[in-house]
PDB file of N, CA and C in Angstrom:
ATOM      1  N   MET A   1      -3.829  21.444 -25.550  1.00  0.00           N
ATOM      2  CA  MET A   1      -4.643  20.301 -25.136  1.00  0.00           C
ATOM      3  C   MET A   1      -4.096  19.044 -25.806  1.00  0.00           C
ATOM      4  N   ALA A   2      -3.680  18.092 -24.985  1.00  0.00           N
ATOM      5  CA  ALA A   2      -3.154  16.831 -25.499  1.00  0.00           C
ATOM      6  C   ALA A   2      -4.312  15.862 -25.741  1.00  0.00           C
ATOM      7  N   ARG A   3      -4.313  15.261 -26.912  1.00  0.00           N
ATOM      8  CA  ARG A   3      -5.362  14.293 -27.257  1.00  0.00           C
ATOM      9  C   ARG A   3      -4.690  12.963 -27.561  1.00  0.00           C
ATOM     10  N   ILE A   4      -4.957  11.981 -26.704  1.00  0.00           N
ATOM     11  CA  ILE A   4      -4.350  10.664 -26.863  1.00  0.00           C
ATOM     12  C   ILE A   4      -5.459   9.623 -26.850  1.00  0.00           C
ATOM     13  N   ALA A   5      -5.444   8.730 -27.824  1.00  0.00           N
ATOM     14  CA  ALA A   5      -6.420   7.636 -27.943  1.00  0.00           C
ATOM     15  C   ALA A   5      -7.847   8.160 -27.946  1.00  0.00           C
ATOM     16  N   GLY A   6      -8.070   9.331 -28.532  1.00  0.00           N
ATOM     17  CA  GLY A   6      -9.406   9.891 -28.631  1.00  0.00           C
ATOM     18  C   GLY A   6      -9.903  10.548 -27.359  1.00  0.00           C
ATOM     19  N   VAL A   7      -9.021  10.778 -26.393  1.00  0.00           N
ATOM     20  CA  VAL A   7      -9.410  11.392 -25.122  1.00  0.00           C
ATOM     21  C   VAL A   7      -8.619  12.682 -24.942  1.00  0.00           C
ATOM     22  N   ASN A   8      -9.329  13.770 -24.612  1.00  0.00           N
ATOM     23  CA  ASN A   8      -8.656  15.023 -24.291  1.00  0.00           C
ATOM     24  C   ASN A   8      -8.158  14.948 -22.850  1.00  0.00           C
ATOM     25  N   LEU A   9      -6.845  15.042 -22.681  1.00  0.00           N
ATOM     26  CA  LEU A   9      -6.289  14.981 -21.334  1.00  0.00           C
ATOM     27  C   LEU A   9      -6.396  16.354 -20.680  1.00  0.00           C
ATOM     28  N   PRO A  10      -6.778  16.409 -19.389  1.00  0.00           N
ATOM     29  CA  PRO A  10      -6.851  17.701 -18.698  1.00  0.00           C
ATOM     30  C   PRO A  10      -5.458  18.315 -18.597  1.00  0.00           C
ATOM     31  N   THR A  11      -5.338  19.572 -18.956  1.00  0.00           N
ATOM     32  CA  THR A  11      -4.020  20.187 -19.077  1.00  0.00           C
ATOM     33  C   THR A  11      -3.376  20.537 -17.751  1.00  0.00           C
ATOM     34  N   ASN A  12      -4.171  20.792 -16.702  1.00  0.00           N
ATOM     35  CA  ASN A  12      -3.573  21.258 -15.450  1.00  0.00           C
ATOM     36  C   ASN A  12      -3.247  20.125 -14.481  1.00  0.00           C
ATOM     37  N   LYS A  13      -3.461  18.879 -14.877  1.00  0.00           N
ATOM     38  CA  LYS A  13      -3.154  17.752 -13.994  1.00  0.00           C
ATOM     39  C   LYS A  13      -1.777  17.175 -14.313  1.00  0.00           C
ATOM     40  N   ARG A  14      -1.255  16.400 -13.343  1.00  0.00           N
ATOM     41  CA  ARG A  14       0.019  15.740 -13.573  1.00  0.00           C
ATOM     42  C   ARG A  14      -0.162  14.665 -14.648  1.00  0.00           C
ATOM     43  N   VAL A  15       0.934  14.342 -15.337  1.00  0.00           N
ATOM     44  CA  VAL A  15       0.892  13.413 -16.467  1.00  0.00           C
ATOM     45  C   VAL A  15       0.341  12.059 -16.028  1.00  0.00           C
ATOM     46  N   ILE A  16       0.788  11.578 -14.859  1.00  0.00           N
ATOM     47  CA  ILE A  16       0.363  10.262 -14.374  1.00  0.00           C
ATOM     48  C   ILE A  16      -1.147  10.227 -14.176  1.00  0.00           C
ATOM     49  N   ILE A  17      -1.698  11.264 -13.559  1.00  0.00           N
ATOM     50  CA  ILE A  17      -3.134  11.315 -13.283  1.00  0.00           C
ATOM     51  C   ILE A  17      -3.910  11.494 -14.585  1.00  0.00           C
ATOM     52  N   ALA A  18      -3.400  12.327 -15.473  1.00  0.00           N
ATOM     53  CA  ALA A  18      -4.106  12.606 -16.731  1.00  0.00           C
ATOM     54  C   ALA A  18      -4.195  11.355 -17.604  1.00  0.00           C
ATOM     55  N   LEU A  19      -3.168  10.516 -17.594  1.00  0.00           N
ATOM     56  CA  LEU A  19      -3.195   9.308 -18.410  1.00  0.00           C
ATOM     57  C   LEU A  19      -4.261   8.324 -17.939  1.00  0.00           C
ATOM     58  N   THR A  20      -4.625   8.394 -16.658  1.00  0.00           N
ATOM     59  CA  THR A  20      -5.648   7.473 -16.152  1.00  0.00           C
ATOM     60  C   THR A  20      -7.042   7.832 -16.666  1.00  0.00           C
ATOM     61  N   TYR A  21      -7.206   8.968 -17.320  1.00  0.00           N
ATOM     62  CA  TYR A  21      -8.486   9.328 -17.932  1.00  0.00           C
ATOM     63  C   TYR A  21      -8.768   8.467 -19.159  1.00  0.00           C
ATOM     64  N   ILE A  22      -7.741   7.788 -19.664  1.00  0.00           N
ATOM     65  CA  ILE A  22      -7.894   6.900 -20.816  1.00  0.00           C
ATOM     66  C   ILE A  22      -8.357   5.544 -20.300  1.00  0.00           C
ATOM     67  N   HIS A  23      -9.458   5.031 -20.857  1.00  0.00           N
ATOM     68  CA  HIS A  23     -10.000   3.735 -20.437  1.00  0.00           C
ATOM     69  C   HIS A  23      -8.981   2.648 -20.745  1.00  0.00           C
ATOM     70  N   GLY A  24      -8.583   1.898 -19.727  1.00  0.00           N
ATOM     71  CA  GLY A  24      -7.612   0.825 -19.908  1.00  0.00           C
ATOM     72  C   GLY A  24      -6.245   1.173 -19.364  1.00  0.00           C
ATOM     73  N   ILE A  25      -6.063   2.409 -18.886  1.00  0.00           N
ATOM     74  CA  ILE A  25      -4.796   2.808 -18.280  1.00  0.00           C
ATOM     75  C   ILE A  25      -5.066   3.208 -16.838  1.00  0.00           C
ATOM     76  N   GLY A  26      -4.448   2.482 -15.926  1.00  0.00           N
ATOM     77  CA  GLY A  26      -4.561   2.784 -14.507  1.00  0.00           C
ATOM     78  C   GLY A  26      -3.306   3.499 -14.028  1.00  0.00           C
ATOM     79  N   ARG A  27      -3.215   3.656 -12.715  1.00  0.00           N
ATOM     80  CA  ARG A  27      -2.087   4.376 -12.138  1.00  0.00           C
ATOM     81  C   ARG A  27      -0.769   3.668 -12.426  1.00  0.00           C
ATOM     82  N   LYS A  28      -0.725   2.339 -12.269  1.00  0.00           N
ATOM     83  CA  LYS A  28       0.518   1.589 -12.463  1.00  0.00           C
ATOM     84  C   LYS A  28       0.990   1.669 -13.906  1.00  0.00           C
ATOM     85  N   THR A  29       0.093   1.497 -14.842  1.00  0.00           N
ATOM     86  CA  THR A  29       0.462   1.564 -16.254  1.00  0.00           C
ATOM     87  C   THR A  29       0.926   2.959 -16.633  1.00  0.00           C
ATOM     88  N   ALA A  30       0.288   3.988 -16.074  1.00  0.00           N
ATOM     89  CA  ALA A  30       0.689   5.366 -16.350  1.00  0.00           C
ATOM     90  C   ALA A  30       2.106   5.629 -15.847  1.00  0.00           C
ATOM     91  N   VAL A  31       2.412   5.128 -14.650  1.00  0.00           N
ATOM     92  CA  VAL A  31       3.765   5.284 -14.097  1.00  0.00           C
ATOM     93  C   VAL A  31       4.768   4.547 -14.974  1.00  0.00           C
ATOM     94  N   ASP A  32       4.423   3.344 -15.427  1.00  0.00           N
ATOM     95  CA  ASP A  32       5.319   2.574 -16.291  1.00  0.00           C
ATOM     96  C   ASP A  32       5.607   3.306 -17.601  1.00  0.00           C
ATOM     97  N   ILE A  33       4.584   3.917 -18.187  1.00  0.00           N
ATOM     98  CA  ILE A  33       4.760   4.669 -19.440  1.00  0.00           C
ATOM     99  C   ILE A  33       5.695   5.852 -19.211  1.00  0.00           C
ATOM    100  N   ALA A  34       5.476   6.575 -18.113  1.00  0.00           N
ATOM    101  CA  ALA A  34       6.297   7.760 -17.828  1.00  0.00           C
ATOM    102  C   ALA A  34       7.755   7.384 -17.587  1.00  0.00           C
ATOM    103  N   THR A  35       7.994   6.322 -16.834  1.00  0.00           N
ATOM    104  CA  THR A  35       9.383   5.929 -16.565  1.00  0.00           C
ATOM    105  C   THR A  35      10.052   5.393 -17.823  1.00  0.00           C
ATOM    106  N   LYS A  36       9.303   4.694 -18.663  1.00  0.00           N
ATOM    107  CA  LYS A  36       9.861   4.169 -19.910  1.00  0.00           C
ATOM    108  C   LYS A  36      10.315   5.300 -20.831  1.00  0.00           C
ATOM    109  N   LEU A  37       9.533   6.389 -20.864  1.00  0.00           N
ATOM    110  CA  LEU A  37       9.860   7.508 -21.741  1.00  0.00           C
ATOM    111  C   LEU A  37      10.747   8.555 -21.061  1.00  0.00           C
ATOM    112  N   GLY A  38      11.011   8.378 -19.762  1.00  0.00           N
ATOM    113  CA  GLY A  38      11.858   9.330 -19.042  1.00  0.00           C
ATOM    114  C   GLY A  38      11.181  10.652 -18.741  1.00  0.00           C
ATOM    115  N   ILE A  39       9.860  10.613 -18.547  1.00  0.00           N
ATOM    116  CA  ILE A  39       9.106  11.822 -18.210  1.00  0.00           C
ATOM    117  C   ILE A  39       8.958  11.886 -16.690  1.00  0.00           C
ATOM    118  N   ASP A  40       9.289  13.031 -16.113  1.00  0.00           N
ATOM    119  CA  ASP A  40       9.171  13.213 -14.671  1.00  0.00           C
ATOM    120  C   ASP A  40       7.701  13.135 -14.253  1.00  0.00           C
ATOM    121  N   GLN A  41       7.428  12.444 -13.147  1.00  0.00           N
ATOM    122  CA  GLN A  41       6.049  12.223 -12.721  1.00  0.00           C
ATOM    123  C   GLN A  41       5.377  13.485 -12.192  1.00  0.00           C
ATOM    124  N   THR A  42       6.170  14.474 -11.805  1.00  0.00           N
ATOM    125  CA  THR A  42       5.577  15.701 -11.254  1.00  0.00           C
ATOM    126  C   THR A  42       5.208  16.707 -12.335  1.00  0.00           C
ATOM    127  N   ARG A  43       5.590  16.445 -13.582  1.00  0.00           N
ATOM    128  CA  ARG A  43       5.282  17.394 -14.659  1.00  0.00           C
ATOM    129  C   ARG A  43       3.810  17.396 -14.989  1.00  0.00           C
ATOM    130  N   ARG A  44       3.339  18.553 -15.449  1.00  0.00           N
ATOM    131  CA  ARG A  44       1.941  18.720 -15.836  1.00  0.00           C
ATOM    132  C   ARG A  44       1.806  18.484 -17.339  1.00  0.00           C
ATOM    133  N   VAL A  45       0.609  18.184 -17.769  1.00  0.00           N
ATOM    134  CA  VAL A  45       0.352  17.927 -19.193  1.00  0.00           C
ATOM    135  C   VAL A  45       0.644  19.161 -20.024  1.00  0.00           C
ATOM    136  N   GLN A  46       0.335  20.346 -19.489  1.00  0.00           N
ATOM    137  CA  GLN A  46       0.560  21.584 -20.243  1.00  0.00           C
ATOM    138  C   GLN A  46       2.046  21.850 -20.480  1.00  0.00           C
ATOM    139  N   ASP A  47       2.916  21.239 -19.659  1.00  0.00           N
ATOM    140  CA  ASP A  47       4.358  21.437 -19.805  1.00  0.00           C
ATOM    141  C   ASP A  47       5.000  20.467 -20.786  1.00  0.00           C
ATOM    142  N   LEU A  48       4.248  19.490 -21.271  1.00  0.00           N
ATOM    143  CA  LEU A  48       4.805  18.519 -22.206  1.00  0.00           C
ATOM    144  C   LEU A  48       4.979  19.137 -23.582  1.00  0.00           C
ATOM    145  N   SER A  49       6.048  18.755 -24.244  1.00  0.00           N
ATOM    146  CA  SER A  49       6.254  19.223 -25.616  1.00  0.00           C
ATOM    147  C   SER A  49       5.461  18.323 -26.560  1.00  0.00           C
ATOM    148  N   ASP A  50       5.321  18.776 -27.800  1.00  0.00           N
ATOM    149  CA  ASP A  50       4.586  17.992 -28.795  1.00  0.00           C
ATOM    150  C   ASP A  50       5.276  16.655 -29.060  1.00  0.00           C
ATOM    151  N   ALA A  51       6.602  16.649 -29.006  1.00  0.00           N
ATOM    152  CA  ALA A  51       7.355  15.416 -29.237  1.00  0.00           C
ATOM    153  C   ALA A  51       7.078  14.403 -28.129  1.00  0.00           C
ATOM    154  N   GLU A  52       6.984  14.875 -26.888  1.00  0.00           N
ATOM    155  CA  GLU A  52       6.714  13.973 -25.766  1.00  0.00           C
ATOM    156  C   GLU A  52       5.296  13.407 -25.844  1.00  0.00           C
ATOM    157  N   VAL A  53       4.352  14.248 -26.224  1.00  0.00           N
ATOM    158  CA  VAL A  53       2.975  13.767 -26.390  1.00  0.00           C
ATOM    159  C   VAL A  53       2.921  12.720 -27.491  1.00  0.00           C
ATOM    160  N   LEU A  54       3.659  12.943 -28.564  1.00  0.00           N
ATOM    161  CA  LEU A  54       3.715  11.981 -29.662  1.00  0.00           C
ATOM    162  C   LEU A  54       4.334  10.667 -29.202  1.00  0.00           C
ATOM    163  N   GLN A  55       5.396  10.750 -28.371  1.00  0.00           N
ATOM    164  CA  GLN A  55       6.013   9.542 -27.828  1.00  0.00           C
ATOM    165  C   GLN A  55       5.026   8.751 -26.984  1.00  0.00           C
ATOM    166  N   ILE A  56       4.283   9.450 -26.129  1.00  0.00           N
ATOM    167  CA  ILE A  56       3.287   8.783 -25.283  1.00  0.00           C
ATOM    168  C   ILE A  56       2.230   8.112 -26.152  1.00  0.00           C
ATOM    169  N   ARG A  57       1.756   8.834 -27.163  1.00  0.00           N
ATOM    170  CA  ARG A  57       0.727   8.301 -28.058  1.00  0.00           C
ATOM    171  C   ARG A  57       1.217   7.041 -28.765  1.00  0.00           C
ATOM    172  N   GLU A  58       2.458   7.077 -29.282  1.00  0.00           N
ATOM    173  CA  GLU A  58       3.003   5.919 -29.989  1.00  0.00           C
ATOM    174  C   GLU A  58       3.206   4.733 -29.059  1.00  0.00           C
ATOM    175  N   THR A  59       3.660   4.994 -27.828  1.00  0.00           N
ATOM    176  CA  THR A  59       3.858   3.914 -26.855  1.00  0.00           C
ATOM    177  C   THR A  59       2.539   3.236 -26.515  1.00  0.00           C
ATOM    178  N   ILE A  60       1.506   4.038 -26.300  1.00  0.00           N
ATOM    179  CA  ILE A  60       0.194   3.477 -25.965  1.00  0.00           C
ATOM    180  C   ILE A  60      -0.357   2.683 -27.148  1.00  0.00           C
ATOM    181  N   ASP A  61      -0.225   3.213 -28.355  1.00  0.00           N
ATOM    182  CA  ASP A  61      -0.737   2.512 -29.534  1.00  0.00           C
ATOM    183  C   ASP A  61      -0.013   1.183 -29.748  1.00  0.00           C
ATOM    184  N   ALA A  62       1.294   1.172 -29.475  1.00  0.00           N
ATOM    185  CA  ALA A  62       2.081  -0.027 -29.741  1.00  0.00           C
ATOM    186  C   ALA A  62       1.880  -1.106 -28.680  1.00  0.00           C
ATOM    187  N   ASP A  63       1.780  -0.718 -27.405  1.00  0.00           N
ATOM    188  CA  ASP A  63       1.846  -1.697 -26.318  1.00  0.00           C
ATOM    189  C   ASP A  63       0.505  -2.054 -25.695  1.00  0.00           C
ATOM    190  N   LEU A  64      -0.487  -1.169 -25.754  1.00  0.00           N
ATOM    191  CA  LEU A  64      -1.692  -1.367 -24.959  1.00  0.00           C
ATOM    192  C   LEU A  64      -2.953  -1.424 -25.822  1.00  0.00           C
ATOM    193  N   THR A  65      -3.961  -2.100 -25.287  1.00  0.00           N
ATOM    194  CA  THR A  65      -5.302  -2.071 -25.862  1.00  0.00           C
ATOM    195  C   THR A  65      -6.124  -1.125 -25.002  1.00  0.00           C
ATOM    196  N   VAL A  66      -6.570  -0.017 -25.578  1.00  0.00           N
ATOM    197  CA  VAL A  66      -7.274   0.996 -24.791  1.00  0.00           C
ATOM    198  C   VAL A  66      -8.537   1.467 -25.504  1.00  0.00           C
ATOM    199  N   GLU A  67      -9.370   2.179 -24.759  1.00  0.00           N
ATOM    200  CA  GLU A  67     -10.594   2.841 -25.229  1.00  0.00           C
ATOM    201  C   GLU A  67     -11.487   1.930 -26.052  1.00  0.00           C
ATOM    202  N   GLY A  68     -11.785   2.254 -27.288  1.00  0.00           N
ATOM    203  CA  GLY A  68     -12.790   1.558 -28.084  1.00  0.00           C
ATOM    204  C   GLY A  68     -12.485   0.090 -28.286  1.00  0.00           C
ATOM    205  N   ASP A  69     -11.220  -0.236 -28.575  1.00  0.00           N
ATOM    206  CA  ASP A  69     -10.849  -1.634 -28.788  1.00  0.00           C
ATOM    207  C   ASP A  69     -11.060  -2.451 -27.521  1.00  0.00           C
ATOM    208  N   LEU A  70     -10.695  -1.882 -26.377  1.00  0.00           N
ATOM    209  CA  LEU A  70     -10.853  -2.586 -25.108  1.00  0.00           C
ATOM    210  C   LEU A  70     -12.323  -2.775 -24.766  1.00  0.00           C
ATOM    211  N   ARG A  71     -13.122  -1.723 -24.959  1.00  0.00           N
ATOM    212  CA  ARG A  71     -14.567  -1.828 -24.692  1.00  0.00           C
ATOM    213  C   ARG A  71     -15.209  -2.872 -25.615  1.00  0.00           C
ATOM    214  N   ARG A  72     -14.816  -2.864 -26.874  1.00  0.00           N
ATOM    215  CA  ARG A  72     -15.349  -3.822 -27.841  1.00  0.00           C
ATOM    216  C   ARG A  72     -14.962  -5.247 -27.459  1.00  0.00           C
ATOM    217  N   ASN A  73     -13.711  -5.424 -27.040  1.00  0.00           N
ATOM    218  CA  ASN A  73     -13.215  -6.732 -26.629  1.00  0.00           C
ATOM    219  C   ASN A  73     -13.996  -7.248 -25.424  1.00  0.00           C
ATOM    220  N   THR A  74     -14.221  -6.389 -24.441  1.00  0.00           N
ATOM    221  CA  THR A  74     -14.967  -6.774 -23.244  1.00  0.00           C
ATOM    222  C   THR A  74     -16.405  -7.133 -23.598  1.00  0.00           C
ATOM    223  N   ALA A  75     -17.030  -6.324 -24.445  1.00  0.00           N
ATOM    224  CA  ALA A  75     -18.412  -6.594 -24.852  1.00  0.00           C
ATOM    225  C   ALA A  75     -18.510  -7.919 -25.611  1.00  0.00           C
ATOM    226  N   MET A  76     -17.527  -8.205 -26.448  1.00  0.00           N
ATOM    227  CA  MET A  76     -17.533  -9.461 -27.191  1.00  0.00           C
ATOM    228  C   MET A  76     -17.366 -10.659 -26.264  1.00  0.00           C
ATOM    229  N   ASN A  77     -16.528 -10.514 -25.224  1.00  0.00           N
ATOM    230  CA  ASN A  77     -16.353 -11.598 -24.256  1.00  0.00           C
ATOM    231  C   ASN A  77     -17.657 -11.882 -23.520  1.00  0.00           C
ATOM    232  N   ILE A  78     -18.372 -10.819 -23.121  1.00  0.00           N
ATOM    233  CA  ILE A  78     -19.648 -10.991 -22.428  1.00  0.00           C
ATOM    234  C   ILE A  78     -20.684 -11.601 -23.367  1.00  0.00           C
ATOM    235  N   LYS A  79     -20.695 -11.149 -24.618  1.00  0.00           N
ATOM    236  CA  LYS A  79     -21.640 -11.686 -25.610  1.00  0.00           C
ATOM    237  C   LYS A  79     -21.365 -13.167 -25.859  1.00  0.00           C
ATOM    238  N   ARG A  80     -20.098 -13.556 -25.896  1.00  0.00           N
ATOM    239  CA  ARG A  80     -19.731 -14.957 -26.087  1.00  0.00           C
ATOM    240  C   ARG A  80     -20.272 -15.804 -24.938  1.00  0.00           C
ATOM    241  N   LEU A  81     -20.131 -15.320 -23.699  1.00  0.00           N
ATOM    242  CA  LEU A  81     -20.655 -16.055 -22.546  1.00  0.00           C
ATOM    243  C   LEU A  81     -22.179 -16.192 -22.640  1.00  0.00           C
ATOM    244  N   MET A  82     -22.840 -15.131 -23.084  1.00  0.00           N
ATOM    245  CA  MET A  82     -24.293 -15.169 -23.192  1.00  0.00           C
ATOM    246  C   MET A  82     -24.736 -16.139 -24.297  1.00  0.00           C
ATOM    247  N   ASP A  83     -23.994 -16.179 -25.398  1.00  0.00           N
ATOM    248  CA  ASP A  83     -24.334 -17.087 -26.489  1.00  0.00           C
ATOM    249  C   ASP A  83     -24.114 -18.544 -26.093  1.00  0.00           C
ATOM    250  N   LEU A  84     -23.093 -18.787 -25.266  1.00  0.00           N
ATOM    251  CA  LEU A  84     -22.835 -20.145 -24.798  1.00  0.00           C
ATOM    252  C   LEU A  84     -23.917 -20.631 -23.839  1.00  0.00           C
ATOM    253  N   ALA A  85     -24.618 -19.690 -23.216  1.00  0.00           N
ATOM    254  CA  ALA A  85     -25.640 -19.983 -22.210  1.00  0.00           C
ATOM    255  C   ALA A  85     -25.045 -20.702 -21.011  1.00  0.00           C
ATOM    256  N   CYS A  86     -23.794 -20.376 -20.683  1.00  0.00           N
ATOM    257  CA  CYS A  86     -23.196 -20.905 -19.465  1.00  0.00           C
ATOM    258  C   CYS A  86     -23.747 -20.114 -18.276  1.00  0.00           C
ATOM    259  N   TYR A  87     -23.392 -20.536 -17.077  1.00  0.00           N
ATOM    260  CA  TYR A  87     -23.947 -19.908 -15.880  1.00  0.00           C
ATOM    261  C   TYR A  87     -23.666 -18.405 -15.863  1.00  0.00           C
ATOM    262  N   ARG A  88     -22.414 -18.026 -16.129  1.00  0.00           N
ATOM    263  CA  ARG A  88     -22.056 -16.599 -16.126  1.00  0.00           C
ATOM    264  C   ARG A  88     -22.821 -15.843 -17.195  1.00  0.00           C
ATOM    265  N   GLY A  89     -22.997 -16.463 -18.361  1.00  0.00           N
ATOM    266  CA  GLY A  89     -23.748 -15.823 -19.429  1.00  0.00           C
ATOM    267  C   GLY A  89     -25.198 -15.603 -19.062  1.00  0.00           C
ATOM    268  N   LEU A  90     -25.802 -16.589 -18.384  1.00  0.00           N
ATOM    269  CA  LEU A  90     -27.194 -16.444 -17.957  1.00  0.00           C
ATOM    270  C   LEU A  90     -27.328 -15.331 -16.930  1.00  0.00           C
ATOM    271  N   ARG A  91     -26.358 -15.212 -16.027  1.00  0.00           N
ATOM    272  CA  ARG A  91     -26.392 -14.149 -15.017  1.00  0.00           C
ATOM    273  C   ARG A  91     -26.288 -12.773 -15.688  1.00  0.00           C
ATOM    274  N   HIS A  92     -25.411 -12.666 -16.705  1.00  0.00           N
ATOM    275  CA  HIS A  92     -25.309 -11.411 -17.454  1.00  0.00           C
ATOM    276  C   HIS A  92     -26.645 -11.096 -18.121  1.00  0.00           C
ATOM    277  N   ARG A  93     -27.261 -12.107 -18.730  1.00  0.00           N
ATOM    278  CA  ARG A  93     -28.509 -11.924 -19.457  1.00  0.00           C
ATOM    279  C   ARG A  93     -29.635 -11.459 -18.539  1.00  0.00           C
ATOM    280  N   LYS A  94     -29.680 -12.019 -17.309  1.00  0.00           N
ATOM    281  CA  LYS A  94     -30.719 -11.663 -16.353  1.00  0.00           C
ATOM    282  C   LYS A  94     -30.421 -10.380 -15.596  1.00  0.00           C
ATOM    283  N   GLY A  95     -29.206  -9.878 -15.715  1.00  0.00           N
ATOM    284  CA  GLY A  95     -28.842  -8.652 -15.005  1.00  0.00           C
ATOM    285  C   GLY A  95     -28.615  -8.872 -13.524  1.00  0.00           C
ATOM    286  N   LEU A  96     -28.122 -10.048 -13.168  1.00  0.00           N
ATOM    287  CA  LEU A  96     -27.835 -10.389 -11.778  1.00  0.00           C
ATOM    288  C   LEU A  96     -26.328 -10.444 -11.562  1.00  0.00           C
ATOM    289  N   PRO A  97     -25.867 -10.445 -10.307  1.00  0.00           N
ATOM    290  CA  PRO A  97     -24.428 -10.529 -10.062  1.00  0.00           C
ATOM    291  C   PRO A  97     -23.839 -11.800 -10.662  1.00  0.00           C
ATOM    292  N   VAL A  98     -22.657 -11.677 -11.240  1.00  0.00           N
ATOM    293  CA  VAL A  98     -22.060 -12.768 -11.992  1.00  0.00           C
ATOM    294  C   VAL A  98     -21.093 -13.582 -11.144  1.00  0.00           C
ATOM    295  N   ARG A  99     -20.473 -12.970 -10.156  1.00  0.00           N
ATOM    296  CA  ARG A  99     -19.354 -13.607  -9.462  1.00  0.00           C
ATOM    297  C   ARG A  99     -19.692 -14.176  -8.090  1.00  0.00           C
ATOM    298  N   GLY A 100     -20.894 -14.696  -7.928  1.00  0.00           N
ATOM    299  CA  GLY A 100     -21.213 -15.441  -6.731  1.00  0.00           C
ATOM    300  C   GLY A 100     -21.684 -14.633  -5.546  1.00  0.00           C
ATOM    301  N   GLN A 101     -21.963 -13.340  -5.725  1.00  0.00           N
ATOM    302  CA  GLN A 101     -22.433 -12.547  -4.592  1.00  0.00           C
ATOM    303  C   GLN A 101     -23.856 -12.940  -4.219  1.00  0.00           C
ATOM    304  N   ARG A 102     -24.232 -12.662  -2.964  1.00  0.00           N
ATOM    305  CA  ARG A 102     -25.578 -12.977  -2.523  1.00  0.00           C
ATOM    306  C   ARG A 102     -26.572 -11.989  -3.130  1.00  0.00           C
ATOM    307  N   THR A 103     -27.790 -12.451  -3.352  1.00  0.00           N
ATOM    308  CA  THR A 103     -28.801 -11.584  -3.951  1.00  0.00           C
ATOM    309  C   THR A 103     -30.022 -11.426  -3.073  1.00  0.00           C
ATOM    310  N   HIS A 104     -30.064 -12.141  -1.950  1.00  0.00           N
ATOM    311  CA  HIS A 104     -31.257 -12.071  -1.105  1.00  0.00           C
ATOM    312  C   HIS A 104     -31.473 -10.660  -0.570  1.00  0.00           C
ATOM    313  N   THR A 105     -30.409 -10.037  -0.075  1.00  0.00           N
ATOM    314  CA  THR A 105     -30.572  -8.702   0.488  1.00  0.00           C
ATOM    315  C   THR A 105     -29.840  -7.626  -0.297  1.00  0.00           C
ATOM    316  N   ASN A 106     -28.735  -7.956  -0.902  1.00  0.00           N
ATOM    317  CA  ASN A 106     -27.936  -6.931  -1.575  1.00  0.00           C
ATOM    318  C   ASN A 106     -28.123  -6.994  -3.094  1.00  0.00           C
ATOM    319  N   ALA A 107     -27.119  -6.623  -3.851  1.00  0.00           N
ATOM    320  CA  ALA A 107     -27.117  -6.674  -5.315  1.00  0.00           C
ATOM    321  C   ALA A 107     -28.036  -5.636  -5.942  1.00  0.00           C
ATOM    322  N   ARG A 108     -28.281  -4.533  -5.260  1.00  0.00           N
ATOM    323  CA  ARG A 108     -29.161  -3.499  -5.813  1.00  0.00           C
ATOM    324  C   ARG A 108     -28.533  -2.822  -7.025  1.00  0.00           C
ATOM    325  N   THR A 109     -27.212  -2.792  -7.103  1.00  0.00           N
ATOM    326  CA  THR A 109     -26.565  -2.163  -8.251  1.00  0.00           C
ATOM    327  C   THR A 109     -26.901  -2.921  -9.527  1.00  0.00           C
ATOM    328  N   ARG A 110     -26.817  -4.241  -9.480  1.00  0.00           N
ATOM    329  CA  ARG A 110     -27.103  -5.048 -10.664  1.00  0.00           C
ATOM    330  C   ARG A 110     -28.603  -5.189 -10.923  1.00  0.00           C
ATOM    331  N   LYS A 111     -29.398  -5.346  -9.849  1.00  0.00           N
ATOM    332  CA  LYS A 111     -30.821  -5.621 -10.014  1.00  0.00           C
ATOM    333  C   LYS A 111     -31.643  -4.367 -10.277  1.00  0.00           C
ATOM    334  N   GLY A 112     -31.110  -3.202  -9.932  1.00  0.00           N
ATOM    335  CA  GLY A 112     -31.844  -1.963 -10.137  1.00  0.00           C
ATOM    336  C   GLY A 112     -32.613  -1.564  -8.893  1.00  0.00           C
ATOM    337  N   LYS A 113     -33.362  -0.497  -9.019  1.00  0.00           N
ATOM    338  CA  LYS A 113     -34.111   0.040  -7.883  1.00  0.00           C
ATOM    339  C   LYS A 113     -35.131  -0.983  -7.396  1.00  0.00           C
ATOM    340  N   ALA A 114     -35.306  -1.054  -6.080  1.00  0.00           N
ATOM    341  CA  ALA A 114     -36.210  -2.037  -5.483  1.00  0.00           C
ATOM    342  C   ALA A 114     -37.645  -1.767  -5.910  1.00  0.00           C
ATOM    343  N   LYS A 115     -38.366  -2.839  -6.222  1.00  0.00           N
ATOM    344  CA  LYS A 115     -39.766  -2.727  -6.635  1.00  0.00           C
ATOM    345  C   LYS A 115     -40.649  -2.955  -5.406  1.00  0.00           C
ATOM    346  N   ALA A 116     -41.641  -2.115  -5.225  1.00  0.00           N
ATOM    347  CA  ALA A 116     -42.532  -2.245  -4.077  1.00  0.00           C
ATOM    348  C   ALA A 116     -43.445  -3.441  -4.258  1.00  0.00           C
ATOM    349  N   ILE A 117     -43.666  -4.146  -3.158  1.00  0.00           N
ATOM    350  CA  ILE A 117     -44.589  -5.274  -3.163  1.00  0.00           C
ATOM    351  C   ILE A 117     -45.823  -4.832  -2.383  1.00  0.00           C
ATOM    352  N   ALA A 118     -47.006  -5.185  -2.875  1.00  0.00           N
ATOM    353  CA  ALA A 118     -48.251  -4.767  -2.215  1.00  0.00           C
ATOM    354  C   ALA A 118     -48.268  -5.233  -0.769  1.00  0.00           C
ATOM    355  N   GLY A 119     -48.735  -4.360   0.118  1.00  0.00           N
ATOM    356  CA  GLY A 119     -48.773  -4.680   1.543  1.00  0.00           C
ATOM    357  C   GLY A 119     -49.739  -5.804   1.843  1.00  0.00           C
ATOM    358  N   LYS A 120     -49.508  -6.478   2.960  1.00  0.00           N
ATOM    359  CA  LYS A 120     -50.368  -7.588   3.386  1.00  0.00           C
ATOM    360  C   LYS A 120     -51.719  -7.058   3.825  1.00  0.00           C
ATOM    361  N   LYS A 121     -52.783  -7.672   3.343  1.00  0.00           N
ATOM    362  CA  LYS A 121     -54.130  -7.206   3.696  1.00  0.00           C
ATOM    363  C   LYS A 121     -54.547  -7.795   5.013  1.00  0.00           C
ATOM    364  N   LYS A 122     -55.313  -7.009   5.816  1.00  0.00           N
ATOM    365  CA  LYS A 122     -55.724  -7.474   7.146  1.00  0.00           C
ATOM    366  C   LYS A 122     -56.954  -8.322   7.107  1.00  0.00           C
TER     367      LYS A 122
END
């Protein structure tokens, strides 16, 4: 079992797919890491040697911000916007869409489950 950046990589998946389990590494970055280290993209994680896993770990530590550091950085950026009380910060604080989406009919993901309104009396 390969453990990189605090994440256990699934052993039966290809290296490219397994690296995407790490927060902050997508498909493109995973391909770039594999080509930089000369690892074939069709190889499985279980077929990697300990030296190759160590190379991947060192490359990720040196070049990328991943997992806890990335989550902390993102949270700090959102907190900064909220402390500034700018428009985006207020939207984050209220739990509404931040990037200009309409809220009249949609935005259920951000606003949460719809609340029932009492029916009109006759």
